[in-house]
Amino acid sequence: MPTVNLPPRDGGGKIRIPHADKAPKKPSGVFNERHTRAQDPLYDEWLRAQTVLEVVYTDGTFWTGMLHAYDTYGLHMIGADGQDVLIFKQGLRSIRPVAV
C-alpha cells in the first residue's frame, strides 16, 4: 500500500492513500455484473413493435417517444419531433406504452 510521510506538525505518521492499491474498475454497461436481463424482453418487444412510450421522471413530469436503443443505465429514445434523447434510467419512475 502506498504511503506518504507527513511533516511533523501534521502528526509525523504515515497516512493511507484511498484507492491507490485497488485494481482498475471493470467497464460498465451490458457486461457489468450488476446487469440483469429482466427488462430486456420488454425493451426488445417495444423496439420490434416501435411502441410509443411514456416515461415518467422522478419529479412527476413525463415525456413521450419511441425507444431506439438501451443499455444498463440509459435509454436512447426518439421524440415525436424526431429529436434523439438520451434518458438515464436513474431519473425515471416508470415507463409504459401509450394507448393509441
C-alpha atoms as a PDB file:
ATOM      1  CA  MET A   1       0.000   0.000   0.000  1.00  0.00           C
ATOM      2  CA  PRO A   2       1.491   3.415  -0.940  1.00  0.00           C
ATOM      3  CA  THR A   3       2.228   5.740   1.970  1.00  0.00           C
ATOM      4  CA  VAL A   4       3.192   9.377   2.350  1.00  0.00           C
ATOM      5  CA  ASN A   5       5.348  10.893   5.115  1.00  0.00           C
ATOM      6  CA  LEU A   6       3.699  13.954   6.636  1.00  0.00           C
ATOM      7  CA  PRO A   7       5.589  16.884   8.161  1.00  0.00           C
ATOM      8  CA  PRO A   8       5.918  16.712  11.985  1.00  0.00           C
ATOM      9  CA  ARG A   9       3.315  19.445  12.507  1.00  0.00           C
ATOM     10  CA  ASP A  10       0.720  17.122  10.942  1.00  0.00           C
ATOM     11  CA  GLY A  11       1.449  14.226  13.250  1.00  0.00           C
ATOM     12  CA  GLY A  12       4.518  12.836  11.529  1.00  0.00           C
ATOM     13  CA  GLY A  13       2.894   9.491  10.741  1.00  0.00           C
ATOM     14  CA  LYS A  14       2.155   7.750   7.507  1.00  0.00           C
ATOM     15  CA  ILE A  15      -1.306   8.036   6.030  1.00  0.00           C
ATOM     16  CA  ARG A  16      -3.209   5.745   3.735  1.00  0.00           C
ATOM     17  CA  ILE A  17      -3.948   6.966   0.217  1.00  0.00           C
ATOM     18  CA  PRO A  18      -7.513   5.842  -0.579  1.00  0.00           C
ATOM     19  CA  HIS A  19      -7.966   3.599  -3.606  1.00  0.00           C
ATOM     20  CA  ALA A  20      -4.251   3.721  -4.567  1.00  0.00           C
ATOM     21  CA  ASP A  21      -3.866  -0.035  -4.215  1.00  0.00           C
ATOM     22  CA  LYS A  22      -7.126  -1.098  -5.847  1.00  0.00           C
ATOM     23  CA  ALA A  23      -7.364  -2.694  -9.260  1.00  0.00           C
ATOM     24  CA  PRO A  24      -8.889  -0.631 -12.083  1.00  0.00           C
ATOM     25  CA  LYS A  25     -12.667  -0.672 -12.274  1.00  0.00           C
ATOM     26  CA  LYS A  26     -14.325  -3.071 -14.666  1.00  0.00           C
ATOM     27  CA  PRO A  27     -16.102  -1.474 -17.608  1.00  0.00           C
ATOM     28  CA  SER A  28     -19.749  -0.625 -17.053  1.00  0.00           C
ATOM     29  CA  GLY A  29     -22.585  -1.367 -19.420  1.00  0.00           C
ATOM     30  CA  VAL A  30     -24.279  -4.531 -20.585  1.00  0.00           C
ATOM     31  CA  PHE A  31     -21.397  -6.762 -19.464  1.00  0.00           C
ATOM     32  CA  ASN A  32     -21.287  -5.338 -15.949  1.00  0.00           C
ATOM     33  CA  GLU A  33     -22.003  -7.862 -13.182  1.00  0.00           C
ATOM     34  CA  ARG A  34     -24.844  -5.599 -11.984  1.00  0.00           C
ATOM     35  CA  HIS A  35     -26.702  -6.011 -15.292  1.00  0.00           C
ATOM     36  CA  THR A  36     -29.659  -8.361 -15.346  1.00  0.00           C
ATOM     37  CA  ARG A  37     -31.718  -9.379 -18.323  1.00  0.00           C
ATOM     38  CA  ALA A  38     -35.091  -8.921 -16.577  1.00  0.00           C
ATOM     39  CA  GLN A  39     -36.001  -5.823 -18.621  1.00  0.00           C
ATOM     40  CA  ASP A  40     -34.549  -6.934 -21.944  1.00  0.00           C
ATOM     41  CA  PRO A  41     -37.551  -8.918 -23.300  1.00  0.00           C
ATOM     42  CA  LEU A  42     -39.859  -5.967 -22.681  1.00  0.00           C
ATOM     43  CA  TYR A  43     -37.443  -3.465 -24.259  1.00  0.00           C
ATOM     44  CA  ASP A  44     -36.931  -5.806 -27.227  1.00  0.00           C
ATOM     45  CA  GLU A  45     -40.700  -6.066 -27.762  1.00  0.00           C
ATOM     46  CA  TRP A  46     -41.072  -2.272 -27.633  1.00  0.00           C
ATOM     47  CA  LEU A  47     -38.219  -1.907 -30.143  1.00  0.00           C
ATOM     48  CA  ARG A  48     -39.662  -4.518 -32.515  1.00  0.00           C
ATOM     49  CA  ALA A  49     -43.190  -3.070 -32.411  1.00  0.00           C
ATOM     50  CA  GLN A  50     -41.977   0.572 -32.459  1.00  0.00           C
ATOM     51  CA  THR A  51     -44.183   1.223 -29.449  1.00  0.00           C
ATOM     52  CA  VAL A  52     -44.808   4.818 -28.384  1.00  0.00           C
ATOM     53  CA  LEU A  53     -43.786   5.074 -24.715  1.00  0.00           C
ATOM     54  CA  GLU A  54     -44.429   7.497 -21.913  1.00  0.00           C
ATOM     55  CA  VAL A  55     -41.546   7.901 -19.464  1.00  0.00           C
ATOM     56  CA  VAL A  56     -42.318   9.444 -16.092  1.00  0.00           C
ATOM     57  CA  TYR A  57     -39.416  11.185 -14.375  1.00  0.00           C
ATOM     58  CA  THR A  58     -38.829  11.062 -10.627  1.00  0.00           C
ATOM     59  CA  ASP A  59     -40.218  14.605 -10.297  1.00  0.00           C
ATOM     60  CA  GLY A  60     -43.533  13.502 -11.866  1.00  0.00           C
ATOM     61  CA  THR A  61     -43.071  15.146 -15.269  1.00  0.00           C
ATOM     62  CA  PHE A  62     -43.371  12.959 -18.332  1.00  0.00           C
ATOM     63  CA  TRP A  63     -42.136  12.684 -21.913  1.00  0.00           C
ATOM     64  CA  THR A  64     -43.325  10.630 -24.878  1.00  0.00           C
ATOM     65  CA  GLY A  65     -41.233   8.961 -27.558  1.00  0.00           C
ATOM     66  CA  MET A  66     -40.112   5.679 -29.117  1.00  0.00           C
ATOM     67  CA  LEU A  67     -37.290   3.513 -27.829  1.00  0.00           C
ATOM     68  CA  HIS A  68     -34.346   3.337 -30.225  1.00  0.00           C
ATOM     69  CA  ALA A  69     -31.736   1.533 -28.057  1.00  0.00           C
ATOM     70  CA  TYR A  70     -30.967   0.754 -24.420  1.00  0.00           C
ATOM     71  CA  ASP A  71     -28.257  -0.431 -22.063  1.00  0.00           C
ATOM     72  CA  THR A  72     -27.819  -0.940 -18.331  1.00  0.00           C
ATOM     73  CA  TYR A  73     -28.008   2.761 -17.449  1.00  0.00           C
ATOM     74  CA  GLY A  74     -29.766   4.608 -20.236  1.00  0.00           C
ATOM     75  CA  LEU A  75     -32.456   4.692 -22.897  1.00  0.00           C
ATOM     76  CA  HIS A  76     -31.923   6.205 -26.344  1.00  0.00           C
ATOM     77  CA  MET A  77     -35.332   7.481 -27.385  1.00  0.00           C
ATOM     78  CA  ILE A  78     -36.682   9.461 -30.308  1.00  0.00           C
ATOM     79  CA  GLY A  79     -39.342  12.093 -29.704  1.00  0.00           C
ATOM     80  CA  ALA A  80     -42.340  12.912 -31.891  1.00  0.00           C
ATOM     81  CA  ASP A  81     -40.274  15.720 -33.452  1.00  0.00           C
ATOM     82  CA  GLY A  82     -37.514  13.260 -34.425  1.00  0.00           C
ATOM     83  CA  GLN A  83     -35.149  14.550 -31.736  1.00  0.00           C
ATOM     84  CA  ASP A  84     -32.719  11.983 -30.272  1.00  0.00           C
ATOM     85  CA  VAL A  85     -32.801  11.930 -26.470  1.00  0.00           C
ATOM     86  CA  LEU A  86     -30.613  10.009 -24.028  1.00  0.00           C
ATOM     87  CA  ILE A  87     -32.511   9.361 -20.791  1.00  0.00           C
ATOM     88  CA  PHE A  88     -30.717   7.978 -17.751  1.00  0.00           C
ATOM     89  CA  LYS A  89     -32.755   5.277 -16.019  1.00  0.00           C
ATOM     90  CA  GLN A  90     -31.873   6.552 -12.546  1.00  0.00           C
ATOM     91  CA  GLY A  91     -34.028   9.620 -13.263  1.00  0.00           C
ATOM     92  CA  LEU A  92     -37.137   7.606 -14.129  1.00  0.00           C
ATOM     93  CA  ARG A  93     -40.091   6.484 -12.075  1.00  0.00           C
ATOM     94  CA  SER A  94     -41.816   4.406 -14.774  1.00  0.00           C
ATOM     95  CA  ILE A  95     -42.057   3.580 -18.477  1.00  0.00           C
ATOM     96  CA  ARG A  96     -45.272   2.442 -20.137  1.00  0.00           C
ATOM     97  CA  PRO A  97     -46.799   2.130 -23.604  1.00  0.00           C
ATOM     98  CA  VAL A  98     -49.114   4.930 -24.657  1.00  0.00           C
ATOM     99  CA  ALA A  99     -52.590   3.790 -25.706  1.00  0.00           C
ATOM    100  CA  VAL A 100     -53.195   4.880 -29.288  1.00  0.00           C
END
